[in-house]
Amino acid sequence: MKLKDLESYRDITIQCHDNPDADAIASGFALYAYFQSMGKQVRLVYAGRNRIRKSNLLLMVDKLNIPITHVEEEAKAAELLLTVDCQYGAGNVTRLPAQEVAIIDHHQTEITNVEKSEIDPHLGSCSTLVWSMLRDSGYRIEDSKVGTALYYGLYTDTNQFAEIYNPLDMDMRDAVPCEKSLITLFRNSNLSLQEMEIAGVAMIRYIYNDDYRYAIIRSQPCDPNILGLISDFLIQVAEVDSCVVYNETEDGYKFSVRSCIKEVQANELAAFLAEGIGSGGGHREKAGGFINKTLYENVYPTLHSEAFFSQRLNSYFDNCRIIYAKTYEIDLSDMRRYVKKPVHVGFVEAVKILPVGTPVTIRTLEGDVDMTVEQDLIIMIGIKGEVYPNRREQFGKHYTVTGEPYRLNSVHVPGQAALYEPTIRNRATGEVMGLTDCAKSCIAKGGTHIHAKELTNRVKIFTAWDEEKYMLGKEGDYLAVRCDDRHDIYVVEKDIFRMTYAPA
């Protein structure tokens, strides 16, 4: 669904879920501003037993002049009822009368019978989804109050940005006009005395695994930021290397993850915990996620939540091998020899777009990659948008330049679409460029030989060129090593491997 699909309606009611949070309020406010600019008769409402009482939300509504109202019942059906951060007919939103219904949400799909729906559970906030839809419609957010609301909506729904894992979330955070002083005010009005008590009680009762040095805490229902506060405290315990703090919500389990060792990246652990039943991600040290109750009960109908988290964490540590490539002596006896196919990929000569020494961040679907521009740095763009560094000497040996511009969507990956084209951000100036806009096309010469084998379990590889951040390989992916350098060990995702390598 596009916003232009809703432009024919004159009378529009935007409804947040009952007991709305900052993300719901912000999403509704931005849509209110959009439709009002088009001359529509528009209202922003919420229903349910509870009125907005949290001090940070009252400040947000007051300081940003958000025209949200509580309704007991509606005598007249709206021409269009647009629910945000929730889905019409779901359990967390009062069913108001409507002639037509539309949905904008970022949670798992619950309602499938509403034709006008835009639901993306991969995003950290509904604010991001609304921002993206506004941008795609050509609407420019210039009002700092609307921008501040969206920023704060994302801030709260991702535990103060600790759980951002989609590049669109990062793009929205960087793009909207924001009054940072108000964010500081809202942030420092976020914890009530009752929530302070919840945090204190939660930390008294914990599960601890001495073998893997992890801890689990189940908290009473609370704001997601409180889970982050508890996990931030817990990870400071000397015996704890990683931890999970969670609570139960109306529709599932919200959890927060922390790690202080390089062998456990919090974002990867969060994704593992939610795999198949929710979503998770964030940063290397701080992350989090959400588990959908319906999906959880279908897969684990008899398992208590504490037992689930314990079992998943034990599986995470039990079934994973760690390889430190610089010192690892790899066994080639069960690995087959392969040669790289002459496939088209993209490349950017870093010094042709930015001066030597410039600190840059390359944003990809897999996460942010920080680099510094060097004279011989070549930034490679793979067939699915994956980004990795190369050096001019190695590049010249293994690739032939075609001289043509490179476009990621020129390569079809079966069953997969390019969801996000990588960007490059100059950290010194803040300037952002599309990386593929700067890229040229090249073809692998086909002379690159490797040994490889399909993985039967998970593996983490600290490569020879990055000893702080591991590459993760899952079952079905390929463990690979260059024939001319047995310490150049890495992982190739299964679909990419089959498209780019052939038996030698």
Protein backbone atom coordinates (compact mmCIF):
# COMPACT_ATOMS: atom_id res chain seq x y z
CA MET A 1 0.00 0.00 0.00
CA LYS A 2 1.12 3.55 -0.79
CA LEU A 3 -0.08 6.72 0.88
CA LYS A 4 -1.43 7.88 -2.46
CA ASP A 5 -3.91 4.99 -2.22
CA LEU A 6 -5.55 6.89 0.68
CA GLU A 7 -5.66 10.33 -0.94
CA SER A 8 -9.21 9.91 -2.23
CA TYR A 9 -10.67 9.94 1.29
CA ARG A 10 -11.82 13.25 2.75
CA ASP A 11 -12.60 12.26 6.35
CA ILE A 12 -9.74 10.33 7.99
CA THR A 13 -9.42 9.11 11.59
CA ILE A 14 -5.96 7.91 12.63
CA GLN A 15 -6.11 5.49 15.57
CA CYS A 16 -3.21 4.46 17.82
CA HIS A 17 -3.41 1.24 19.81
CA ASP A 18 -4.92 1.35 23.28
CA ASN A 19 -2.55 2.68 25.96
CA PRO A 20 -0.37 4.18 23.20
CA ASP A 21 3.40 4.41 23.45
CA ALA A 22 5.73 7.00 21.92
CA ASP A 23 6.06 5.12 18.63
CA ALA A 24 2.31 4.90 18.08
CA ILE A 25 1.80 8.57 18.96
CA ALA A 26 4.67 9.68 16.71
CA SER A 27 3.47 7.57 13.77
CA GLY A 28 -0.03 8.94 14.07
CA PHE A 29 1.20 12.52 14.45
CA ALA A 30 3.32 12.36 11.28
CA LEU A 31 0.41 10.96 9.28
CA TYR A 32 -1.88 13.61 10.79
CA ALA A 33 0.50 16.34 9.56
CA TYR A 34 0.64 14.75 6.10
CA PHE A 35 -3.10 14.46 5.60
CA GLN A 36 -3.74 17.88 7.12
CA SER A 37 -1.31 19.40 4.59
CA MET A 38 -3.51 17.92 1.88
CA GLY A 39 -6.61 19.63 3.24
CA LYS A 40 -8.20 16.51 4.72
CA GLN A 41 -10.48 16.43 7.74
CA VAL A 42 -8.26 14.39 10.02
CA ARG A 43 -8.27 13.35 13.67
CA LEU A 44 -5.71 11.50 15.82
CA VAL A 45 -7.30 9.31 18.52
CA TYR A 46 -6.85 6.38 20.85
CA ALA A 47 -9.33 4.39 22.94
CA GLY A 48 -9.34 1.83 25.74
CA ARG A 49 -9.61 2.00 29.52
CA ASN A 50 -6.30 3.74 30.17
CA ARG A 51 -5.51 7.33 29.30
CA ILE A 52 -1.98 8.56 28.65
CA ARG A 53 -0.34 9.03 32.07
CA LYS A 54 3.37 8.33 31.67
CA SER A 55 5.29 11.53 32.29
CA ASN A 56 7.48 11.24 29.20
CA LEU A 57 4.43 10.77 26.94
CA LEU A 58 2.56 13.67 28.53
CA LEU A 59 5.64 15.84 27.93
CA MET A 60 5.89 14.60 24.35
CA VAL A 61 2.26 15.44 23.61
CA ASP A 62 2.56 18.86 25.27
CA LYS A 63 5.94 20.03 23.93
CA LEU A 64 5.29 18.84 20.36
CA ASN A 65 1.68 20.06 20.25
CA ILE A 66 0.36 16.62 19.27
CA PRO A 67 -3.45 16.81 18.85
CA ILE A 68 -4.23 13.33 20.15
CA THR A 69 -7.52 12.72 21.96
CA HIS A 70 -9.02 9.84 23.92
CA VAL A 71 -12.41 8.55 22.72
CA GLU A 72 -14.89 6.44 24.67
CA GLU A 73 -16.99 5.51 21.65
CA GLU A 74 -17.67 6.77 18.15
CA ALA A 75 -21.23 7.52 17.10
CA LYS A 76 -20.28 8.06 13.46
CA ALA A 77 -18.21 5.74 11.33
CA ALA A 78 -15.15 7.41 9.83
CA GLU A 79 -14.89 7.41 6.06
CA LEU A 80 -11.40 5.97 6.56
CA LEU A 81 -10.04 4.58 9.83
CA LEU A 82 -6.26 4.21 9.68
CA THR A 83 -4.69 2.21 12.52
CA VAL A 84 -1.01 2.83 13.23
CA ASP A 85 1.42 0.64 15.19
CA CYS A 86 -1.41 -1.88 15.45
CA GLN A 87 -3.80 -3.86 13.26
CA TYR A 88 -7.56 -3.28 13.13
CA GLY A 89 -9.28 -6.21 14.81
CA ALA A 90 -6.27 -7.23 16.93
CA GLY A 91 -6.50 -7.52 20.69
CA ASN A 92 -4.56 -4.37 21.56
CA VAL A 93 -6.81 -1.87 19.77
CA THR A 94 -10.45 -0.99 20.40
CA ARG A 95 -12.60 -1.66 17.35
CA LEU A 96 -14.04 1.69 16.25
CA PRO A 97 -16.71 1.93 13.54
CA ALA A 98 -15.43 2.67 10.04
CA GLN A 99 -16.62 2.67 6.44
CA GLU A 100 -13.14 1.71 5.23
CA VAL A 101 -10.06 0.52 7.14
CA ALA A 102 -6.32 0.77 6.47
CA ILE A 103 -3.35 -0.50 8.49
CA ILE A 104 0.24 0.72 8.94
CA ASP A 105 2.25 -1.41 11.38
CA HIS A 106 5.65 -2.94 12.05
CA HIS A 107 4.62 -5.98 14.09
CA GLN A 108 4.06 -9.54 12.88
CA THR A 109 0.99 -9.83 10.66
CA GLU A 110 -2.10 -10.79 12.64
CA ILE A 111 -4.91 -9.45 10.45
CA THR A 112 -4.98 -10.59 6.85
CA ASN A 113 -8.42 -9.49 5.65
CA VAL A 114 -7.69 -5.75 5.32
CA GLU A 115 -6.73 -4.98 1.74
CA LYS A 116 -5.18 -1.57 2.42
CA SER A 117 -2.29 -2.67 4.63
CA GLU A 118 1.39 -1.86 4.91
CA ILE A 119 3.05 -4.12 7.50
CA ASP A 120 6.81 -4.54 7.83
CA PRO A 121 7.95 -6.53 10.90
CA HIS A 122 11.62 -6.09 9.94
CA LEU A 123 11.64 -2.46 11.09
CA GLY A 124 12.45 -1.32 14.60
CA SER A 125 9.58 1.14 14.76
CA CYS A 126 6.34 2.11 13.06
CA SER A 127 7.79 5.63 12.96
CA THR A 128 10.37 4.38 10.46
CA LEU A 129 7.70 2.80 8.28
CA VAL A 130 5.66 6.00 8.26
CA TRP A 131 8.78 8.07 7.49
CA SER A 132 9.63 5.77 4.59
CA MET A 133 6.10 5.98 3.19
CA LEU A 134 6.09 9.77 3.51
CA ARG A 135 9.44 9.98 1.75
CA ASP A 136 8.25 7.70 -1.05
CA SER A 137 5.18 9.90 -1.51
CA GLY A 138 7.40 12.96 -1.99
CA TYR A 139 6.43 14.55 1.34
CA ARG A 140 9.37 16.34 2.97
CA ILE A 141 9.39 16.53 6.77
CA GLU A 142 10.47 20.08 7.58
CA ASP A 143 8.57 20.55 10.86
CA SER A 144 11.03 19.78 13.68
CA LYS A 145 8.15 18.79 15.95
CA VAL A 146 7.12 16.00 13.58
CA GLY A 147 10.77 15.02 13.12
CA THR A 148 11.37 15.00 16.88
CA ALA A 149 8.31 12.82 17.42
CA LEU A 150 9.47 10.25 14.83
CA TYR A 151 12.99 10.28 16.25
CA TYR A 152 11.67 9.67 19.76
CA GLY A 153 9.31 6.96 18.54
CA LEU A 154 12.26 5.04 17.10
CA TYR A 155 14.41 5.88 20.14
CA THR A 156 11.94 4.33 22.58
CA ASP A 157 10.99 1.29 20.48
CA THR A 158 14.64 0.31 19.96
CA ASN A 159 15.79 0.77 23.56
CA GLN A 160 17.55 4.08 22.93
CA PHE A 161 18.79 2.89 19.51
CA ALA A 162 20.56 -0.12 21.06
CA GLU A 163 18.29 -2.49 19.13
CA ILE A 164 18.42 -0.89 15.68
CA TYR A 165 19.16 -3.52 13.05
CA ASN A 166 17.46 -2.36 9.86
CA PRO A 167 19.28 0.27 7.78
CA LEU A 168 16.02 2.14 7.15
CA ASP A 169 15.77 2.74 10.90
CA MET A 170 19.26 4.22 10.83
CA ASP A 171 18.43 6.33 7.79
CA MET A 172 15.36 7.79 9.48
CA ARG A 173 17.31 8.52 12.65
CA ASP A 174 19.91 10.42 10.64
CA ALA A 175 17.47 12.24 8.33
CA VAL A 176 14.64 13.76 10.37
CA PRO A 177 14.93 17.29 11.85
CA CYS A 178 15.08 16.83 15.60
CA GLU A 179 15.21 19.02 18.70
CA LYS A 180 17.74 17.03 20.73
CA SER A 181 17.09 19.06 23.87
CA LEU A 182 13.52 17.73 23.91
CA ILE A 183 14.75 14.16 23.49
CA THR A 184 16.93 14.71 26.56
CA LEU A 185 13.92 16.04 28.46
CA PHE A 186 11.72 13.09 27.46
CA ARG A 187 14.48 10.56 28.19
CA ASN A 188 15.03 11.88 31.70
CA SER A 189 11.32 11.70 32.51
CA ASN A 190 11.00 8.06 31.49
CA LEU A 191 11.28 6.12 34.77
CA SER A 192 8.56 6.12 37.42
CA LEU A 193 8.97 5.02 41.04
CA GLN A 194 6.94 1.90 40.24
CA GLU A 195 9.25 1.01 37.34
CA MET A 196 12.29 1.57 39.55
CA GLU A 197 10.78 -0.98 41.94
CA ILE A 198 10.16 -3.41 39.04
CA ALA A 199 13.82 -3.19 38.05
CA GLY A 200 14.99 -3.75 41.62
CA VAL A 201 12.74 -6.79 42.19
CA ALA A 202 13.73 -8.35 38.84
CA MET A 203 17.43 -8.33 39.66
CA ILE A 204 16.87 -10.33 42.85
CA ARG A 205 15.80 -13.44 40.90
CA TYR A 206 17.97 -14.67 38.05
CA ILE A 207 19.13 -17.79 36.25
CA TYR A 208 22.89 -18.19 35.83
CA ASN A 209 24.86 -20.68 33.71
CA ASP A 210 28.39 -21.13 35.02
CA ASP A 211 29.68 -23.00 31.95
CA TYR A 212 28.72 -20.32 29.44
CA ARG A 213 28.66 -17.36 31.87
CA TYR A 214 25.21 -16.12 30.85
CA ALA A 215 22.33 -14.86 32.98
CA ILE A 216 18.57 -14.66 32.38
CA ILE A 217 16.07 -12.44 34.18
CA ARG A 218 12.31 -12.37 33.77
CA SER A 219 10.81 -8.99 34.64
CA GLN A 220 7.30 -7.91 35.42
CA PRO A 221 5.50 -6.09 32.55
CA CYS A 222 7.18 -2.74 32.00
CA ASP A 223 8.30 -0.24 29.39
CA PRO A 224 10.90 -1.76 27.00
CA ASN A 225 13.46 0.78 28.20
CA ILE A 226 13.31 -0.76 31.68
CA LEU A 227 14.44 -4.08 30.22
CA GLY A 228 17.43 -2.23 28.79
CA LEU A 229 18.15 -0.63 32.16
CA ILE A 230 18.11 -4.03 33.90
CA SER A 231 20.32 -5.68 31.27
CA ASP A 232 22.78 -2.75 31.33
CA PHE A 233 23.17 -3.31 35.07
CA LEU A 234 23.36 -7.10 34.80
CA ILE A 235 26.15 -7.14 32.20
CA GLN A 236 28.37 -5.22 34.63
CA VAL A 237 28.49 -8.27 36.94
CA ALA A 238 31.99 -9.75 36.73
CA GLU A 239 30.77 -13.33 36.22
CA VAL A 240 28.34 -12.43 33.41
CA ASP A 241 29.58 -12.29 29.80
CA SER A 242 26.13 -12.18 28.18
CA CYS A 243 22.59 -11.80 29.43
CA VAL A 244 18.94 -11.77 28.42
CA VAL A 245 16.23 -9.82 30.23
CA TYR A 246 12.64 -10.29 29.12
CA ASN A 247 9.01 -9.81 30.02
CA GLU A 248 5.66 -10.96 28.72
CA THR A 249 3.39 -8.60 26.80
CA GLU A 250 -0.15 -9.01 25.52
CA ASP A 251 1.05 -10.48 22.23
CA GLY A 252 4.41 -12.05 23.05
CA TYR A 253 7.75 -11.58 24.76
CA LYS A 254 9.95 -8.52 24.57
CA PHE A 255 13.62 -9.17 25.36
CA SER A 256 16.87 -7.26 25.75
CA VAL A 257 20.33 -8.76 25.13
CA ARG A 258 23.77 -7.62 26.26
CA SER A 259 27.28 -8.98 25.64
CA CYS A 260 30.73 -7.85 26.73
CA ILE A 261 32.84 -10.44 24.84
CA LYS A 262 33.69 -10.46 21.14
CA GLU A 263 32.73 -14.13 20.76
CA VAL A 264 29.06 -13.21 21.33
CA GLN A 265 27.60 -10.38 19.29
CA ALA A 266 24.38 -9.29 20.97
CA ASN A 267 22.62 -8.59 17.66
CA GLU A 268 23.39 -12.06 16.34
CA LEU A 269 22.29 -13.70 19.60
CA ALA A 270 19.03 -11.74 19.56
CA ALA A 271 18.31 -12.87 16.00
CA PHE A 272 19.06 -16.48 17.01
CA LEU A 273 16.66 -16.35 19.95
CA ALA A 274 13.81 -15.04 17.81
CA GLU A 275 14.51 -17.10 14.69
CA GLY A 276 11.27 -18.38 13.18
CA ILE A 277 9.04 -16.92 15.89
CA GLY A 278 9.81 -13.19 15.88
CA SER A 279 12.56 -10.73 15.10
CA GLY A 280 15.73 -9.54 16.80
CA GLY A 281 18.86 -7.50 16.26
CA GLY A 282 20.72 -4.38 17.26
CA HIS A 283 24.41 -3.76 17.92
CA ARG A 284 27.34 -5.93 18.89
CA GLU A 285 27.08 -5.11 22.60
CA LYS A 286 23.39 -4.17 22.91
CA ALA A 287 20.42 -5.71 21.14
CA GLY A 288 16.92 -6.98 21.64
CA GLY A 289 13.86 -8.37 19.99
CA PHE A 290 10.31 -9.60 20.14
CA ILE A 291 8.80 -13.09 20.10
CA ASN A 292 5.26 -13.43 18.74
CA LYS A 293 3.07 -15.34 21.20
CA THR A 294 1.02 -17.15 18.55
CA LEU A 295 4.13 -18.36 16.72
CA TYR A 296 5.80 -19.28 20.01
CA GLU A 297 2.85 -21.38 21.18
CA ASN A 298 2.66 -23.16 17.83
CA VAL A 299 6.33 -24.17 18.00
CA TYR A 300 6.72 -24.57 21.78
CA PRO A 301 3.21 -25.39 23.05
CA THR A 302 4.30 -26.81 26.44
CA LEU A 303 7.55 -24.92 27.13
CA HIS A 304 7.66 -22.29 29.85
CA SER A 305 9.35 -19.05 28.81
CA GLU A 306 12.29 -19.37 31.22
CA ALA A 307 12.95 -22.92 29.98
CA PHE A 308 12.74 -21.65 26.38
CA PHE A 309 15.38 -18.96 26.88
CA SER A 310 17.64 -21.38 28.78
CA GLN A 311 17.36 -24.04 26.07
CA ARG A 312 17.96 -21.56 23.25
CA LEU A 313 21.00 -20.10 24.96
CA ASN A 314 22.46 -23.55 25.63
CA SER A 315 21.86 -24.47 21.99
CA TYR A 316 23.51 -21.24 20.88
CA PHE A 317 26.72 -22.08 22.74
CA ASP A 318 26.67 -25.87 22.30
CA ASN A 319 26.24 -25.97 18.54
CA CYS A 320 28.74 -23.41 17.33
CA ARG A 321 32.43 -23.63 16.46
CA ILE A 322 34.73 -20.59 16.73
CA ILE A 323 37.68 -20.19 14.32
CA TYR A 324 40.45 -17.62 14.74
CA ALA A 325 41.72 -17.60 11.15
CA LYS A 326 45.11 -15.99 11.76
CA THR A 327 46.31 -18.94 13.88
CA TYR A 328 43.94 -21.72 12.78
CA GLU A 329 45.39 -24.71 10.93
CA ILE A 330 42.59 -25.77 8.62
CA ASP A 331 42.07 -29.39 7.56
CA LEU A 332 41.53 -29.59 3.79
CA SER A 333 40.90 -33.35 3.64
CA ASP A 334 37.10 -33.01 3.47
CA MET A 335 37.03 -29.80 1.42
CA ARG A 336 36.47 -29.63 -2.33
CA ARG A 337 38.28 -27.34 -4.76
CA TYR A 338 36.23 -24.59 -6.48
CA VAL A 339 36.87 -21.80 -8.98
CA LYS A 340 35.12 -18.45 -9.10
CA LYS A 341 32.67 -17.95 -11.96
CA PRO A 342 32.97 -14.87 -14.21
CA VAL A 343 30.09 -13.03 -12.54
CA HIS A 344 29.50 -9.27 -12.58
CA VAL A 345 30.02 -7.45 -9.28
CA GLY A 346 30.48 -3.81 -8.37
CA PHE A 347 33.50 -1.91 -7.11
CA VAL A 348 34.31 1.59 -5.94
CA GLU A 349 37.82 3.07 -5.81
CA ALA A 350 37.55 4.84 -2.48
CA VAL A 351 40.02 7.63 -3.31
CA LYS A 352 37.95 8.66 -6.33
CA ILE A 353 35.04 9.70 -4.15
CA LEU A 354 36.69 10.78 -0.88
CA PRO A 355 40.16 11.91 0.27
CA VAL A 356 42.62 9.53 1.91
CA GLY A 357 42.07 9.40 5.65
CA THR A 358 38.33 10.09 5.52
CA PRO A 359 36.42 8.01 8.09
CA VAL A 360 33.36 6.44 6.45
CA THR A 361 30.46 4.23 7.41
CA ILE A 362 29.04 1.91 4.79
CA ARG A 363 25.45 1.00 5.53
CA THR A 364 24.20 -2.36 4.28
CA LEU A 365 21.30 -4.65 5.07
CA GLU A 366 23.67 -6.72 7.19
CA GLY A 367 24.73 -3.70 9.26
CA ASP A 368 27.14 -0.78 9.32
CA VAL A 369 30.77 -1.26 8.27
CA ASP A 370 33.29 1.36 9.41
CA MET A 371 36.36 1.98 7.26
CA THR A 372 38.96 4.66 6.64
CA VAL A 373 39.73 5.63 3.05
CA GLU A 374 43.21 4.44 2.04
CA GLN A 375 45.06 4.90 -1.23
CA ASP A 376 44.63 1.30 -2.37
CA LEU A 377 41.20 0.59 -0.84
CA ILE A 378 38.67 -0.95 -3.21
CA ILE A 379 35.13 -1.34 -1.89
CA MET A 380 33.48 -4.39 -3.43
CA ILE A 381 29.70 -4.80 -3.80
CA GLY A 382 28.53 -8.39 -4.11
CA ILE A 383 25.56 -9.77 -5.98
CA LYS A 384 23.18 -9.33 -3.05
CA GLY A 385 24.50 -5.97 -1.91
CA GLU A 386 27.04 -7.38 0.53
CA VAL A 387 30.06 -5.11 0.97
CA TYR A 388 33.65 -6.14 1.67
CA PRO A 389 37.08 -4.49 1.33
CA ASN A 390 39.74 -5.35 -1.23
CA ARG A 391 43.18 -4.02 -2.13
CA ARG A 392 44.20 -2.68 -5.51
CA GLU A 393 46.88 -5.34 -6.07
CA GLN A 394 44.53 -8.25 -5.32
CA PHE A 395 41.72 -6.59 -7.26
CA GLY A 396 43.91 -6.31 -10.37
CA LYS A 397 44.82 -9.98 -10.17
CA HIS A 398 41.32 -11.34 -9.88
CA TYR A 399 38.93 -8.91 -11.63
CA THR A 400 38.54 -7.35 -15.07
CA VAL A 401 37.00 -3.87 -15.21
CA THR A 402 34.19 -3.49 -17.76
CA GLY A 403 33.95 0.31 -17.50
CA GLU A 404 30.16 0.16 -17.22
CA PRO A 405 28.15 1.57 -14.31
CA TYR A 406 27.06 -1.04 -11.78
CA ARG A 407 23.47 -1.51 -10.69
CA LEU A 408 22.59 -3.97 -7.99
CA ASN A 409 19.19 -4.75 -9.46
CA SER A 410 20.79 -5.78 -12.74
CA VAL A 411 21.55 -9.14 -11.15
CA HIS A 412 18.63 -11.39 -10.35
CA VAL A 413 18.93 -13.48 -7.21
CA PRO A 414 16.30 -16.25 -7.26
CA GLY A 415 13.80 -15.91 -4.45
CA GLN A 416 15.40 -12.78 -3.09
CA ALA A 417 15.04 -9.08 -3.80
CA ALA A 418 17.52 -6.33 -3.04
CA LEU A 419 15.78 -4.74 -0.08
CA TYR A 420 18.34 -2.01 0.49
CA GLU A 421 21.14 -0.61 -1.63
CA PRO A 422 24.26 0.18 0.42
CA THR A 423 25.16 3.80 1.17
CA ILE A 424 28.43 5.42 2.19
CA ARG A 425 28.50 8.17 4.81
CA ASN A 426 31.36 10.57 5.36
CA ARG A 427 31.56 10.59 9.17
CA ALA A 428 33.47 13.87 9.15
CA THR A 429 30.82 15.86 7.25
CA GLY A 430 27.69 13.70 7.49
CA GLU A 431 27.33 13.58 3.69
CA VAL A 432 25.61 10.41 2.44
CA MET A 433 25.95 8.91 -1.04
CA GLY A 434 24.46 5.81 -2.62
CA LEU A 435 27.38 3.42 -2.96
CA THR A 436 26.03 1.82 -6.11
CA ASP A 437 25.71 5.30 -7.66
CA CYS A 438 29.51 5.53 -7.47
CA ALA A 439 30.21 1.94 -8.51
CA LYS A 440 31.55 0.48 -11.73
CA SER A 441 31.09 -3.06 -12.94
CA CYS A 442 33.79 -5.71 -13.04
CA ILE A 443 33.97 -9.42 -13.76
CA ALA A 444 35.79 -12.07 -11.77
CA LYS A 445 38.54 -13.50 -13.99
CA GLY A 446 37.76 -17.02 -12.90
CA GLY A 447 41.27 -17.70 -11.72
CA THR A 448 40.49 -17.52 -8.01
CA HIS A 449 40.62 -21.00 -6.52
CA ILE A 450 39.35 -21.94 -3.10
CA HIS A 451 38.69 -25.00 -0.99
CA ALA A 452 35.19 -25.12 0.46
CA LYS A 453 32.67 -27.35 2.19
CA GLU A 454 29.04 -27.01 3.19
CA LEU A 455 28.49 -26.32 6.87
CA THR A 456 26.42 -28.72 8.95
CA ASN A 457 26.29 -26.44 11.99
CA ARG A 458 26.97 -22.82 12.93
CA VAL A 459 30.46 -21.38 12.84
CA LYS A 460 31.96 -18.02 13.81
CA ILE A 461 35.12 -16.93 12.01
CA PHE A 462 37.39 -14.14 13.14
CA THR A 463 39.06 -13.47 9.80
CA ALA A 464 42.69 -12.56 9.31
CA TRP A 465 41.64 -9.02 8.34
CA ASP A 466 39.23 -8.47 11.26
CA GLU A 467 40.04 -10.07 14.61
CA GLU A 468 37.33 -8.20 16.53
CA LYS A 469 34.15 -9.03 14.59
CA TYR A 470 33.25 -12.52 13.43
CA MET A 471 31.61 -13.74 10.25
CA LEU A 472 28.69 -16.03 11.01
CA GLY A 473 28.07 -19.15 8.99
CA LYS A 474 24.85 -21.13 9.30
CA GLU A 475 23.94 -24.66 8.28
CA GLY A 476 23.95 -24.79 4.48
CA ASP A 477 26.44 -21.94 4.07
CA TYR A 478 30.00 -22.67 2.95
CA LEU A 479 33.28 -22.56 4.83
CA ALA A 480 35.93 -21.38 2.36
CA VAL A 481 39.70 -20.86 2.29
CA ARG A 482 41.88 -19.48 -0.51
CA CYS A 483 44.19 -22.06 -2.04
CA ASP A 484 47.15 -19.67 -1.92
CA ASP A 485 46.59 -18.57 1.69
CA ARG A 486 45.37 -21.10 4.25
CA HIS A 487 44.70 -18.38 6.82
CA ASP A 488 42.34 -16.49 4.50
CA ILE A 489 39.31 -18.32 5.89
CA TYR A 490 35.79 -16.98 5.53
CA VAL A 491 32.11 -17.84 5.08
CA VAL A 492 30.09 -17.58 1.86
CA GLU A 493 26.28 -17.52 2.16
CA LYS A 494 24.78 -20.54 0.41
CA ASP A 495 22.87 -18.72 -2.36
CA ILE A 496 25.85 -16.52 -3.17
CA PHE A 497 28.20 -19.52 -3.19
CA ARG A 498 26.12 -21.44 -5.73
CA MET A 499 25.91 -18.43 -8.01
CA THR A 500 29.57 -17.46 -7.85
CA TYR A 501 31.58 -20.69 -7.56
CA ALA A 502 31.84 -23.88 -9.62
CA PRO A 503 33.77 -27.12 -8.97
CA ALA A 504 37.32 -26.83 -10.28
